[in-house]
Amino acid sequence: MKPRSRKAKGRYLQNIVRDRIIKLYPVLSKDDIRTSLMSETGADIKLTSHTSRKLFSYSIECKNRQDFKTLYSYFRQAQSHAALEPLLIVKSNRERPLAVVDMEHLFQLIEKNN
């Protein structure tokens, strides 16, 4: 894959996440939250205002990669077990466990919490 295509793929996911946060908090605008440039350090979603950081207190790193295929396979396995919301817990050696949930489910949880 060409570098230009990789960057476009990453920007696509960043835009989806940014737009979803703005949808969750209509008081925010694209001036309050923006996507990072590909060479910029720090989080991929920049919370540029105090209001945005107060409403959405997460540091977001976006990765849109094909090599997560196995992770998705495990997530589908969690979906197949019951009619409950799937939750995948992953852990690597000497690392803390991570929880993987569907993005829309995460935003629903945040919305309920507000």
N, C-alpha and C. Protein backbone atom coordinates (compact mmCIF):
# COMPACT_ATOMS: atom_id res chain seq x y z
N MET A 1 0.85 -1.17 0.00
CA MET A 1 0.00 0.00 0.00
C MET A 1 0.90 1.24 0.00
N LYS A 2 0.56 2.21 -0.80
CA LYS A 2 1.33 3.44 -0.90
C LYS A 2 1.15 4.30 0.35
N PRO A 3 2.17 5.07 0.71
CA PRO A 3 2.05 5.94 1.90
C PRO A 3 0.84 6.87 1.84
N ARG A 4 0.54 7.40 0.68
CA ARG A 4 -0.61 8.29 0.53
C ARG A 4 -1.91 7.56 0.87
N SER A 5 -2.03 6.32 0.42
CA SER A 5 -3.23 5.52 0.71
C SER A 5 -3.33 5.20 2.20
N ARG A 6 -2.20 4.88 2.82
CA ARG A 6 -2.19 4.60 4.26
C ARG A 6 -2.65 5.82 5.06
N LYS A 7 -2.16 6.99 4.67
CA LYS A 7 -2.55 8.22 5.37
C LYS A 7 -4.03 8.51 5.18
N ALA A 8 -4.54 8.29 3.98
CA ALA A 8 -5.96 8.52 3.71
C ALA A 8 -6.82 7.57 4.54
N LYS A 9 -6.38 6.33 4.66
CA LYS A 9 -7.10 5.33 5.44
C LYS A 9 -7.14 5.74 6.92
N GLY A 10 -6.03 6.24 7.44
CA GLY A 10 -5.98 6.71 8.82
C GLY A 10 -6.86 7.93 9.04
N ARG A 11 -6.81 8.89 8.11
CA ARG A 11 -7.64 10.09 8.21
C ARG A 11 -9.12 9.74 8.20
N TYR A 12 -9.49 8.76 7.40
CA TYR A 12 -10.88 8.32 7.31
C TYR A 12 -11.40 7.90 8.68
N LEU A 13 -10.65 7.07 9.39
CA LEU A 13 -11.07 6.61 10.72
C LEU A 13 -11.09 7.77 11.71
N GLN A 14 -10.10 8.64 11.66
CA GLN A 14 -10.07 9.80 12.55
C GLN A 14 -11.31 10.67 12.35
N ASN A 15 -11.69 10.89 11.10
CA ASN A 15 -12.87 11.72 10.81
C ASN A 15 -14.14 11.07 11.33
N ILE A 16 -14.25 9.75 11.21
CA ILE A 16 -15.42 9.04 11.73
C ILE A 16 -15.53 9.26 13.25
N VAL A 17 -14.42 9.11 13.95
CA VAL A 17 -14.41 9.24 15.40
C VAL A 17 -14.72 10.69 15.80
N ARG A 18 -14.07 11.65 15.15
CA ARG A 18 -14.32 13.07 15.45
C ARG A 18 -15.80 13.41 15.26
N ASP A 19 -16.37 12.99 14.13
CA ASP A 19 -17.77 13.28 13.84
C ASP A 19 -18.70 12.61 14.84
N ARG A 20 -18.33 11.43 15.30
CA ARG A 20 -19.17 10.71 16.28
C ARG A 20 -19.16 11.42 17.63
N ILE A 21 -18.01 11.97 18.01
CA ILE A 21 -17.93 12.72 19.26
C ILE A 21 -18.76 14.00 19.16
N ILE A 22 -18.68 14.69 18.03
CA ILE A 22 -19.47 15.91 17.83
C ILE A 22 -20.96 15.59 17.84
N LYS A 23 -21.33 14.44 17.29
CA LYS A 23 -22.74 14.02 17.31
C LYS A 23 -23.19 13.75 18.75
N LEU A 24 -22.31 13.16 19.55
CA LEU A 24 -22.63 12.85 20.94
C LEU A 24 -22.80 14.12 21.77
N TYR A 25 -21.99 15.13 21.47
CA TYR A 25 -22.03 16.41 22.19
C TYR A 25 -22.29 17.53 21.19
N PRO A 26 -23.55 17.82 20.87
CA PRO A 26 -23.87 18.84 19.87
C PRO A 26 -23.34 20.23 20.21
N VAL A 27 -23.01 20.48 21.47
CA VAL A 27 -22.45 21.77 21.86
C VAL A 27 -21.04 21.96 21.28
N LEU A 28 -20.37 20.86 20.92
CA LEU A 28 -19.02 20.95 20.36
C LEU A 28 -19.08 21.20 18.86
N SER A 29 -18.07 21.87 18.36
CA SER A 29 -17.96 22.09 16.92
C SER A 29 -16.60 21.57 16.46
N LYS A 30 -16.34 21.69 15.18
CA LYS A 30 -15.05 21.25 14.65
C LYS A 30 -13.91 22.15 15.12
N ASP A 31 -14.23 23.27 15.74
CA ASP A 31 -13.20 24.12 16.35
C ASP A 31 -12.78 23.57 17.72
N ASP A 32 -13.66 22.81 18.36
CA ASP A 32 -13.38 22.24 19.68
C ASP A 32 -12.63 20.91 19.61
N ILE A 33 -12.75 20.26 18.51
CA ILE A 33 -12.17 18.93 18.35
C ILE A 33 -11.70 18.77 16.91
N ARG A 34 -10.48 18.33 16.74
CA ARG A 34 -9.96 18.19 15.38
C ARG A 34 -9.10 16.93 15.29
N THR A 35 -8.86 16.51 14.06
CA THR A 35 -7.99 15.36 13.84
C THR A 35 -6.56 15.86 13.67
N SER A 36 -5.62 15.03 14.04
CA SER A 36 -4.22 15.43 13.94
C SER A 36 -3.72 15.26 12.50
N LEU A 37 -2.68 15.98 12.21
CA LEU A 37 -1.99 15.79 10.93
C LEU A 37 -1.18 14.51 11.05
N MET A 38 -0.87 13.88 9.94
CA MET A 38 -0.20 12.58 9.99
C MET A 38 1.18 12.65 10.64
N SER A 39 1.85 13.76 10.60
CA SER A 39 3.19 13.85 11.20
C SER A 39 3.17 14.48 12.59
N GLU A 40 2.00 14.80 13.08
CA GLU A 40 1.85 15.48 14.37
C GLU A 40 1.96 14.48 15.52
N THR A 41 2.62 14.88 16.58
CA THR A 41 2.75 14.00 17.75
C THR A 41 1.51 14.13 18.63
N GLY A 42 1.33 13.17 19.50
CA GLY A 42 0.21 13.19 20.43
C GLY A 42 -0.97 12.39 19.93
N ALA A 43 -2.11 12.61 20.56
CA ALA A 43 -3.32 11.86 20.24
C ALA A 43 -3.78 12.16 18.81
N ASP A 44 -4.50 11.21 18.23
CA ASP A 44 -5.01 11.39 16.86
C ASP A 44 -6.21 12.32 16.82
N ILE A 45 -6.96 12.37 17.91
CA ILE A 45 -8.10 13.27 18.02
C ILE A 45 -7.71 14.33 19.04
N LYS A 46 -7.62 15.57 18.59
CA LYS A 46 -7.18 16.68 19.45
C LYS A 46 -8.39 17.38 20.04
N LEU A 47 -8.48 17.36 21.35
CA LEU A 47 -9.53 18.08 22.05
C LEU A 47 -8.96 19.47 22.35
N THR A 48 -9.34 20.45 21.54
CA THR A 48 -8.67 21.75 21.55
C THR A 48 -9.29 22.77 22.50
N SER A 49 -10.43 22.48 23.07
CA SER A 49 -11.05 23.43 24.01
C SER A 49 -11.22 22.78 25.37
N HIS A 50 -11.34 23.63 26.37
CA HIS A 50 -11.57 23.13 27.73
C HIS A 50 -12.89 22.36 27.79
N THR A 51 -13.91 22.87 27.09
CA THR A 51 -15.22 22.21 27.08
C THR A 51 -15.12 20.80 26.51
N SER A 52 -14.40 20.64 25.42
CA SER A 52 -14.29 19.31 24.80
C SER A 52 -13.55 18.35 25.72
N ARG A 53 -12.51 18.81 26.39
CA ARG A 53 -11.76 17.94 27.32
C ARG A 53 -12.59 17.57 28.54
N LYS A 54 -13.45 18.48 28.96
CA LYS A 54 -14.31 18.21 30.12
C LYS A 54 -15.40 17.20 29.76
N LEU A 55 -15.99 17.35 28.56
CA LEU A 55 -17.07 16.47 28.15
C LEU A 55 -16.58 15.07 27.74
N PHE A 56 -15.44 15.02 27.08
CA PHE A 56 -14.93 13.76 26.55
C PHE A 56 -13.50 13.56 27.02
N SER A 57 -13.32 12.86 28.11
CA SER A 57 -12.02 12.77 28.77
C SER A 57 -11.24 11.52 28.36
N TYR A 58 -11.08 11.34 27.05
CA TYR A 58 -10.33 10.19 26.53
C TYR A 58 -9.24 10.69 25.60
N SER A 59 -8.12 10.00 25.60
CA SER A 59 -7.05 10.24 24.65
C SER A 59 -7.18 9.17 23.57
N ILE A 60 -7.39 9.59 22.33
CA ILE A 60 -7.74 8.63 21.27
C ILE A 60 -6.59 8.45 20.29
N GLU A 61 -6.24 7.21 20.07
CA GLU A 61 -5.29 6.80 19.04
C GLU A 61 -6.06 5.94 18.06
N CYS A 62 -6.05 6.30 16.79
CA CYS A 62 -6.80 5.56 15.76
C CYS A 62 -5.84 4.72 14.93
N LYS A 63 -6.16 3.47 14.74
CA LYS A 63 -5.37 2.57 13.90
C LYS A 63 -6.32 1.85 12.97
N ASN A 64 -6.15 2.04 11.68
CA ASN A 64 -6.99 1.39 10.67
C ASN A 64 -6.08 0.44 9.90
N ARG A 65 -5.97 -0.80 10.39
CA ARG A 65 -4.97 -1.73 9.84
C ARG A 65 -5.58 -3.10 9.54
N GLN A 66 -5.08 -3.70 8.51
CA GLN A 66 -5.52 -5.03 8.11
C GLN A 66 -5.03 -6.10 9.08
N ASP A 67 -3.91 -5.87 9.74
CA ASP A 67 -3.37 -6.92 10.61
C ASP A 67 -4.13 -7.08 11.92
N PHE A 68 -5.28 -6.43 12.08
CA PHE A 68 -6.15 -6.67 13.22
C PHE A 68 -7.18 -7.76 12.91
N LYS A 69 -7.00 -8.45 11.80
CA LYS A 69 -7.95 -9.47 11.37
C LYS A 69 -8.23 -10.49 12.48
N THR A 70 -7.20 -10.94 13.15
CA THR A 70 -7.36 -11.93 14.21
C THR A 70 -8.16 -11.35 15.37
N LEU A 71 -7.92 -10.11 15.69
CA LEU A 71 -8.67 -9.45 16.76
C LEU A 71 -10.16 -9.43 16.44
N TYR A 72 -10.49 -9.12 15.19
CA TYR A 72 -11.89 -9.12 14.77
C TYR A 72 -12.48 -10.52 14.81
N SER A 73 -11.68 -11.51 14.51
CA SER A 73 -12.13 -12.90 14.58
C SER A 73 -12.50 -13.25 16.03
N TYR A 74 -11.68 -12.83 16.97
CA TYR A 74 -11.97 -13.08 18.38
C TYR A 74 -13.21 -12.32 18.82
N PHE A 75 -13.39 -11.10 18.30
CA PHE A 75 -14.57 -10.31 18.66
C PHE A 75 -15.84 -10.98 18.13
N ARG A 76 -15.78 -11.50 16.91
CA ARG A 76 -16.93 -12.23 16.35
C ARG A 76 -17.24 -13.47 17.18
N GLN A 77 -16.21 -14.11 17.72
CA GLN A 77 -16.42 -15.26 18.59
C GLN A 77 -17.20 -14.82 19.84
N ALA A 78 -16.85 -13.68 20.41
CA ALA A 78 -17.57 -13.16 21.58
C ALA A 78 -19.02 -12.84 21.20
N GLN A 79 -19.25 -12.35 19.99
CA GLN A 79 -20.61 -12.05 19.52
C GLN A 79 -21.45 -13.31 19.41
N SER A 80 -20.83 -14.40 19.05
CA SER A 80 -21.57 -15.63 18.78
C SER A 80 -22.03 -16.37 20.04
N HIS A 81 -21.49 -16.01 21.19
CA HIS A 81 -21.80 -16.76 22.41
C HIS A 81 -23.21 -16.56 22.92
N ALA A 82 -23.73 -15.37 22.83
CA ALA A 82 -25.06 -15.09 23.39
C ALA A 82 -25.60 -13.81 22.76
N ALA A 83 -26.81 -13.49 23.13
CA ALA A 83 -27.44 -12.27 22.62
C ALA A 83 -27.06 -11.06 23.46
N LEU A 84 -25.95 -11.14 24.16
CA LEU A 84 -25.46 -10.03 24.98
C LEU A 84 -24.46 -9.20 24.18
N GLU A 85 -24.15 -8.01 24.68
CA GLU A 85 -23.18 -7.15 24.02
C GLU A 85 -21.80 -7.80 24.13
N PRO A 86 -21.09 -7.97 23.01
CA PRO A 86 -19.79 -8.62 23.05
C PRO A 86 -18.72 -7.74 23.69
N LEU A 87 -17.86 -8.35 24.46
CA LEU A 87 -16.72 -7.70 25.10
C LEU A 87 -15.54 -8.64 24.94
N LEU A 88 -14.49 -8.15 24.34
CA LEU A 88 -13.27 -8.93 24.15
C LEU A 88 -12.20 -8.38 25.07
N ILE A 89 -11.59 -9.23 25.86
CA ILE A 89 -10.48 -8.85 26.72
C ILE A 89 -9.22 -9.48 26.13
N VAL A 90 -8.22 -8.66 25.86
CA VAL A 90 -6.97 -9.16 25.30
C VAL A 90 -5.82 -8.78 26.22
N LYS A 91 -4.79 -9.61 26.22
CA LYS A 91 -3.61 -9.35 27.03
C LYS A 91 -2.39 -9.94 26.35
N SER A 92 -1.33 -9.19 26.41
CA SER A 92 -0.04 -9.66 25.91
C SER A 92 0.90 -9.81 27.11
N ASN A 93 1.96 -10.57 26.95
CA ASN A 93 2.92 -10.77 28.04
C ASN A 93 3.43 -9.44 28.56
N ARG A 94 3.46 -9.31 29.87
CA ARG A 94 3.96 -8.13 30.56
C ARG A 94 3.22 -6.84 30.19
N GLU A 95 1.98 -6.98 29.76
CA GLU A 95 1.14 -5.82 29.44
C GLU A 95 -0.17 -5.92 30.22
N ARG A 96 -0.82 -4.79 30.39
CA ARG A 96 -2.11 -4.77 31.08
C ARG A 96 -3.19 -5.26 30.12
N PRO A 97 -4.22 -5.92 30.64
CA PRO A 97 -5.33 -6.36 29.79
C PRO A 97 -6.07 -5.15 29.20
N LEU A 98 -6.56 -5.30 27.99
CA LEU A 98 -7.33 -4.28 27.31
C LEU A 98 -8.72 -4.81 27.02
N ALA A 99 -9.71 -3.94 27.03
CA ALA A 99 -11.08 -4.31 26.71
C ALA A 99 -11.42 -3.75 25.33
N VAL A 100 -12.02 -4.58 24.50
CA VAL A 100 -12.43 -4.18 23.16
C VAL A 100 -13.94 -4.28 23.07
N VAL A 101 -14.59 -3.16 22.75
CA VAL A 101 -16.03 -3.12 22.55
C VAL A 101 -16.31 -2.43 21.22
N ASP A 102 -17.51 -2.62 20.71
CA ASP A 102 -17.94 -1.95 19.50
C ASP A 102 -17.96 -0.43 19.75
N MET A 103 -17.49 0.37 18.78
CA MET A 103 -17.41 1.81 18.96
C MET A 103 -18.77 2.43 19.28
N GLU A 104 -19.81 2.02 18.58
CA GLU A 104 -21.14 2.57 18.84
C GLU A 104 -21.61 2.24 20.25
N HIS A 105 -21.29 1.04 20.72
CA HIS A 105 -21.64 0.65 22.08
C HIS A 105 -20.92 1.56 23.08
N LEU A 106 -19.65 1.84 22.84
CA LEU A 106 -18.90 2.74 23.71
C LEU A 106 -19.57 4.10 23.79
N PHE A 107 -19.95 4.66 22.64
CA PHE A 107 -20.58 5.98 22.64
C PHE A 107 -21.95 5.94 23.32
N GLN A 108 -22.66 4.84 23.22
CA GLN A 108 -23.93 4.70 23.93
C GLN A 108 -23.70 4.69 25.44
N LEU A 109 -22.65 4.00 25.89
CA LEU A 109 -22.32 3.97 27.31
C LEU A 109 -21.97 5.37 27.81
N ILE A 110 -21.18 6.09 27.04
CA ILE A 110 -20.81 7.45 27.43
C ILE A 110 -22.04 8.34 27.48
N GLU A 111 -22.93 8.19 26.50
CA GLU A 111 -24.15 9.00 26.45
C GLU A 111 -25.03 8.73 27.67
N LYS A 112 -25.16 7.46 28.06
CA LYS A 112 -25.95 7.10 29.24
C LYS A 112 -25.35 7.70 30.51
N ASN A 113 -24.03 7.75 30.54
CA ASN A 113 -23.31 8.23 31.71
C ASN A 113 -23.46 9.72 31.90
N ASN A 114 -23.79 10.44 30.84
CA ASN A 114 -23.88 11.91 30.94
C ASN A 114 -25.19 12.33 31.49
